[in-house]
C-alpha atoms as a PDB file:
ATOM      1  CA  UNK A   1       0.000   0.000   0.000  1.00  0.00           C
ATOM      2  CA  UNK A   2       1.225   3.483  -0.845  1.00  0.00           C
ATOM      3  CA  UNK A   3       1.747   5.723   2.203  1.00  0.00           C
ATOM      4  CA  UNK A   4      -0.958   8.326   2.765  1.00  0.00           C
ATOM      5  CA  UNK A   5      -0.557  11.684   4.472  1.00  0.00           C
ATOM      6  CA  UNK A   6      -2.270  11.931   7.859  1.00  0.00           C
ATOM      7  CA  UNK A   7      -2.527  14.708  10.451  1.00  0.00           C
ATOM      8  CA  UNK A   8      -0.904  13.714  13.723  1.00  0.00           C
ATOM      9  CA  UNK A   9       2.303  13.428  15.702  1.00  0.00           C
ATOM     10  CA  UNK A  10       4.181  10.165  16.238  1.00  0.00           C
ATOM     11  CA  UNK A  11       6.769   9.272  18.849  1.00  0.00           C
ATOM     12  CA  UNK A  12       8.648   6.179  19.927  1.00  0.00           C
ATOM     13  CA  UNK A  13       8.923   5.234  23.607  1.00  0.00           C
ATOM     14  CA  UNK A  14      11.121   2.197  24.080  1.00  0.00           C
ATOM     15  CA  UNK A  15       9.841  -0.108  21.370  1.00  0.00           C
ATOM     16  CA  UNK A  16       6.286   1.286  21.436  1.00  0.00           C
ATOM     17  CA  UNK A  17       5.162   3.571  18.630  1.00  0.00           C
ATOM     18  CA  UNK A  18       2.520   6.135  19.597  1.00  0.00           C
ATOM     19  CA  UNK A  19       0.372   8.169  17.221  1.00  0.00           C
ATOM     20  CA  UNK A  20      -1.201  11.276  18.762  1.00  0.00           C
ATOM     21  CA  UNK A  21      -4.263  12.531  16.896  1.00  0.00           C
ATOM     22  CA  UNK A  22      -7.004  15.078  17.426  1.00  0.00           C
ATOM     23  CA  UNK A  23      -8.175  18.473  16.248  1.00  0.00           C
ATOM     24  CA  UNK A  24      -5.716  21.336  15.809  1.00  0.00           C
ATOM     25  CA  UNK A  25      -4.943  23.248  18.976  1.00  0.00           C
ATOM     26  CA  UNK A  26      -5.482  20.419  21.477  1.00  0.00           C
ATOM     27  CA  UNK A  27      -1.775  19.950  22.201  1.00  0.00           C
ATOM     28  CA  UNK A  28      -0.517  17.008  20.141  1.00  0.00           C
ATOM     29  CA  UNK A  29       2.993  18.443  19.896  1.00  0.00           C
ATOM     30  CA  UNK A  30       2.987  19.591  23.523  1.00  0.00           C
ATOM     31  CA  UNK A  31       2.032  16.106  24.698  1.00  0.00           C
ATOM     32  CA  UNK A  32       4.619  14.477  22.433  1.00  0.00           C
ATOM     33  CA  UNK A  33       7.396  16.711  23.767  1.00  0.00           C
ATOM     34  CA  UNK A  34       6.275  16.138  27.364  1.00  0.00           C
ATOM     35  CA  UNK A  35       6.269  12.354  26.876  1.00  0.00           C
ATOM     36  CA  UNK A  36       9.703  12.411  25.230  1.00  0.00           C
ATOM     37  CA  UNK A  37      11.110  14.541  28.064  1.00  0.00           C
ATOM     38  CA  UNK A  38       9.377  12.514  30.793  1.00  0.00           C
ATOM     39  CA  UNK A  39      10.725   9.234  29.447  1.00  0.00           C
ATOM     40  CA  UNK A  40      14.212  10.561  28.675  1.00  0.00           C
ATOM     41  CA  UNK A  41      14.547  11.772  32.269  1.00  0.00           C
ATOM     42  CA  UNK A  42      13.814   8.219  33.402  1.00  0.00           C
ATOM     43  CA  UNK A  43      16.382   6.655  31.086  1.00  0.00           C
ATOM     44  CA  UNK A  44      13.835   5.345  28.589  1.00  0.00           C
ATOM     45  CA  UNK A  45      14.571   5.603  24.891  1.00  0.00           C
ATOM     46  CA  UNK A  46      12.190   8.150  23.385  1.00  0.00           C
ATOM     47  CA  UNK A  47      12.259   9.932  20.052  1.00  0.00           C
ATOM     48  CA  UNK A  48      10.126  11.942  17.705  1.00  0.00           C
ATOM     49  CA  UNK A  49       9.024  10.200  14.516  1.00  0.00           C
ATOM     50  CA  UNK A  50       7.190  13.136  12.968  1.00  0.00           C
ATOM     51  CA  UNK A  51       5.224  16.204  13.980  1.00  0.00           C
ATOM     52  CA  UNK A  52       1.967  17.420  12.450  1.00  0.00           C
ATOM     53  CA  UNK A  53       2.118  15.497   9.162  1.00  0.00           C
ATOM     54  CA  UNK A  54       3.008  11.844   8.716  1.00  0.00           C
ATOM     55  CA  UNK A  55       3.037   9.262   5.990  1.00  0.00           C
ATOM     56  CA  UNK A  56       1.201   6.156   7.160  1.00  0.00           C
ATOM     57  CA  UNK A  57       0.728   2.761   5.553  1.00  0.00           C
ATOM     58  CA  UNK A  58      -0.344  -0.798   6.263  1.00  0.00           C
ATOM     59  CA  UNK A  59       2.823  -2.886   6.244  1.00  0.00           C
ATOM     60  CA  UNK A  60       1.937  -6.570   6.555  1.00  0.00           C
ATOM     61  CA  UNK A  61      -0.923  -5.844   8.956  1.00  0.00           C
ATOM     62  CA  UNK A  62       0.929  -3.243  11.043  1.00  0.00           C
ATOM     63  CA  UNK A  63       0.510   0.527  10.840  1.00  0.00           C
ATOM     64  CA  UNK A  64       3.836   2.197  10.037  1.00  0.00           C
ATOM     65  CA  UNK A  65       4.376   5.971  10.226  1.00  0.00           C
ATOM     66  CA  UNK A  66       7.222   8.144   9.028  1.00  0.00           C
ATOM     67  CA  UNK A  67       7.774  11.867   8.604  1.00  0.00           C
ATOM     68  CA  UNK A  68       7.951  13.524   5.210  1.00  0.00           C
ATOM     69  CA  UNK A  69      11.614  14.211   4.380  1.00  0.00           C
ATOM     70  CA  UNK A  70      11.040  17.983   4.388  1.00  0.00           C
ATOM     71  CA  UNK A  71      10.038  18.002   8.086  1.00  0.00           C
ATOM     72  CA  UNK A  72      11.933  14.969   9.427  1.00  0.00           C
ATOM     73  CA  UNK A  73      13.507  15.791  12.788  1.00  0.00           C
ATOM     74  CA  UNK A  74      11.595  19.057  13.162  1.00  0.00           C
ATOM     75  CA  UNK A  75       9.022  19.838  15.811  1.00  0.00           C
ATOM     76  CA  UNK A  76       6.929  22.998  15.842  1.00  0.00           C
ATOM     77  CA  UNK A  77       7.450  24.838  19.108  1.00  0.00           C
ATOM     78  CA  UNK A  78       4.452  27.161  19.539  1.00  0.00           C
ATOM     79  CA  UNK A  79       5.525  30.750  19.073  1.00  0.00           C
ATOM     80  CA  UNK A  80       9.038  29.812  17.920  1.00  0.00           C
ATOM     81  CA  UNK A  81       8.554  27.782  14.756  1.00  0.00           C
ATOM     82  CA  UNK A  82      10.197  24.510  13.745  1.00  0.00           C
ATOM     83  CA  UNK A  83      13.146  23.329  15.847  1.00  0.00           C
ATOM     84  CA  UNK A  84      15.352  20.244  15.307  1.00  0.00           C
ATOM     85  CA  UNK A  85      15.267  17.390  17.831  1.00  0.00           C
ATOM     86  CA  UNK A  86      16.558  13.792  17.749  1.00  0.00           C
ATOM     87  CA  UNK A  87      14.275  11.532  15.729  1.00  0.00           C
ATOM     88  CA  UNK A  88      13.824   8.083  14.272  1.00  0.00           C
ATOM     89  CA  UNK A  89      12.835   7.735  10.619  1.00  0.00           C
ATOM     90  CA  UNK A  90       9.800   5.484  11.186  1.00  0.00           C
ATOM     91  CA  UNK A  91       8.013   3.197  13.612  1.00  0.00           C
ATOM     92  CA  UNK A  92       5.231   0.665  13.930  1.00  0.00           C
ATOM     93  CA  UNK A  93       2.277   2.249  15.734  1.00  0.00           C
ATOM     94  CA  UNK A  94       1.174   0.262  18.794  1.00  0.00           C
ATOM     95  CA  UNK A  95      -1.104   2.859  20.420  1.00  0.00           C
ATOM     96  CA  UNK A  96      -3.203   5.797  19.281  1.00  0.00           C
ATOM     97  CA  UNK A  97      -3.794   8.651  21.702  1.00  0.00           C
ATOM     98  CA  UNK A  98      -6.795  10.648  20.524  1.00  0.00           C
ATOM     99  CA  UNK A  99      -6.976  14.079  22.123  1.00  0.00           C
ATOM    100  CA  UNK A 100     -10.516  15.304  22.669  1.00  0.00           C
ATOM    101  CA  UNK A 101     -12.024  18.440  24.225  1.00  0.00           C
ATOM    102  CA  UNK A 102     -12.138  18.060  28.023  1.00  0.00           C
ATOM    103  CA  UNK A 103     -15.941  18.214  28.106  1.00  0.00           C
ATOM    104  CA  UNK A 104     -16.179  15.182  25.795  1.00  0.00           C
ATOM    105  CA  UNK A 105     -14.013  12.884  27.938  1.00  0.00           C
ATOM    106  CA  UNK A 106     -15.500   9.784  29.522  1.00  0.00           C
ATOM    107  CA  UNK A 107     -14.422   9.291  33.128  1.00  0.00           C
ATOM    108  CA  UNK A 108     -13.556   5.644  32.479  1.00  0.00           C
ATOM    109  CA  UNK A 109     -12.741   4.060  29.147  1.00  0.00           C
ATOM    110  CA  UNK A 110     -13.331   0.630  27.768  1.00  0.00           C
ATOM    111  CA  UNK A 111     -10.650  -0.991  25.653  1.00  0.00           C
ATOM    112  CA  UNK A 112     -11.098   0.044  22.054  1.00  0.00           C
ATOM    113  CA  UNK A 113      -9.254   0.055  18.765  1.00  0.00           C
ATOM    114  CA  UNK A 114      -9.306   2.339  15.772  1.00  0.00           C
ATOM    115  CA  UNK A 115      -9.005   1.149  12.192  1.00  0.00           C
ATOM    116  CA  UNK A 116      -6.364   3.090  10.283  1.00  0.00           C
ATOM    117  CA  UNK A 117      -6.026   1.960   6.659  1.00  0.00           C
ATOM    118  CA  UNK A 118      -7.645  -1.316   7.693  1.00  0.00           C
ATOM    119  CA  UNK A 119      -5.209  -1.919  10.560  1.00  0.00           C
ATOM    120  CA  UNK A 120      -6.737  -2.124  14.062  1.00  0.00           C
ATOM    121  CA  UNK A 121      -4.666  -0.136  16.587  1.00  0.00           C
ATOM    122  CA  UNK A 122      -5.473   0.137  20.328  1.00  0.00           C
ATOM    123  CA  UNK A 123      -6.656   3.656  21.230  1.00  0.00           C
ATOM    124  CA  UNK A 124      -7.124   5.749  24.336  1.00  0.00           C
ATOM    125  CA  UNK A 125      -8.839   9.116  24.517  1.00  0.00           C
ATOM    126  CA  UNK A 126      -7.294  11.872  26.626  1.00  0.00           C
ATOM    127  CA  UNK A 127      -8.375  15.419  27.320  1.00  0.00           C
ATOM    128  CA  UNK A 128      -6.505  17.887  25.157  1.00  0.00           C
ATOM    129  CA  UNK A 129      -4.282  20.502  26.758  1.00  0.00           C
ATOM    130  CA  UNK A 130      -3.910  18.505  29.983  1.00  0.00           C
ATOM    131  CA  UNK A 131      -0.374  17.115  30.051  1.00  0.00           C
ATOM    132  CA  UNK A 132      -0.484  16.663  33.840  1.00  0.00           C
ATOM    133  CA  UNK A 133      -3.317  14.126  33.507  1.00  0.00           C
ATOM    134  CA  UNK A 134      -2.039  12.608  30.261  1.00  0.00           C
ATOM    135  CA  UNK A 135       1.447  11.597  31.467  1.00  0.00           C
ATOM    136  CA  UNK A 136       0.342   9.103  34.136  1.00  0.00           C
ATOM    137  CA  UNK A 137      -2.443   7.792  31.877  1.00  0.00           C
ATOM    138  CA  UNK A 138      -0.007   7.045  29.049  1.00  0.00           C
ATOM    139  CA  UNK A 139       2.641   5.569  31.366  1.00  0.00           C
ATOM    140  CA  UNK A 140      -0.024   3.365  32.939  1.00  0.00           C
ATOM    141  CA  UNK A 141      -1.311   2.250  29.530  1.00  0.00           C
ATOM    142  CA  UNK A 142       2.257   1.338  28.531  1.00  0.00           C
ATOM    143  CA  UNK A 143       2.800  -0.419  31.895  1.00  0.00           C
ATOM    144  CA  UNK A 144       5.812   1.785  32.597  1.00  0.00           C
ATOM    145  CA  UNK A 145       6.190   2.484  36.317  1.00  0.00           C
ATOM    146  CA  UNK A 146       6.343   4.832  38.059  1.00  0.00           C
ATOM    147  CA  UNK A 147       3.236   6.221  36.449  1.00  0.00           C
ATOM    148  CA  UNK A 148       4.080   9.814  37.414  1.00  0.00           C
END
């Protein structure tokens, strides 16, 4: 399958690829940077795959994302523009984090998956613009202790 352009930010934590999606302005990049920093401080491998735009494709039943060459290794820092950070060229996506407006969040979530190009990927919904709540939720979902 030919890669298709999707709107989102992808990161790699350890060997787990994470795709962060949601409407513009809900903090996809902010959450990605916070997760990378949080994990790096704890000695966990963490890297950007791509920010804002990604190429995604079904590769033998797995969702693979990579950044377009023109923005590879760049992350948009609000108010400062694109800045270079360490990155990996691609990853298999193991988890989708869908950012939603805080008022649309369910208090408890059931396990669910999202089909992306026919590939089912586990998904959690998190309130946008709430990094303090998102960090322990993501660490818990990845079974990485401590959760804070």
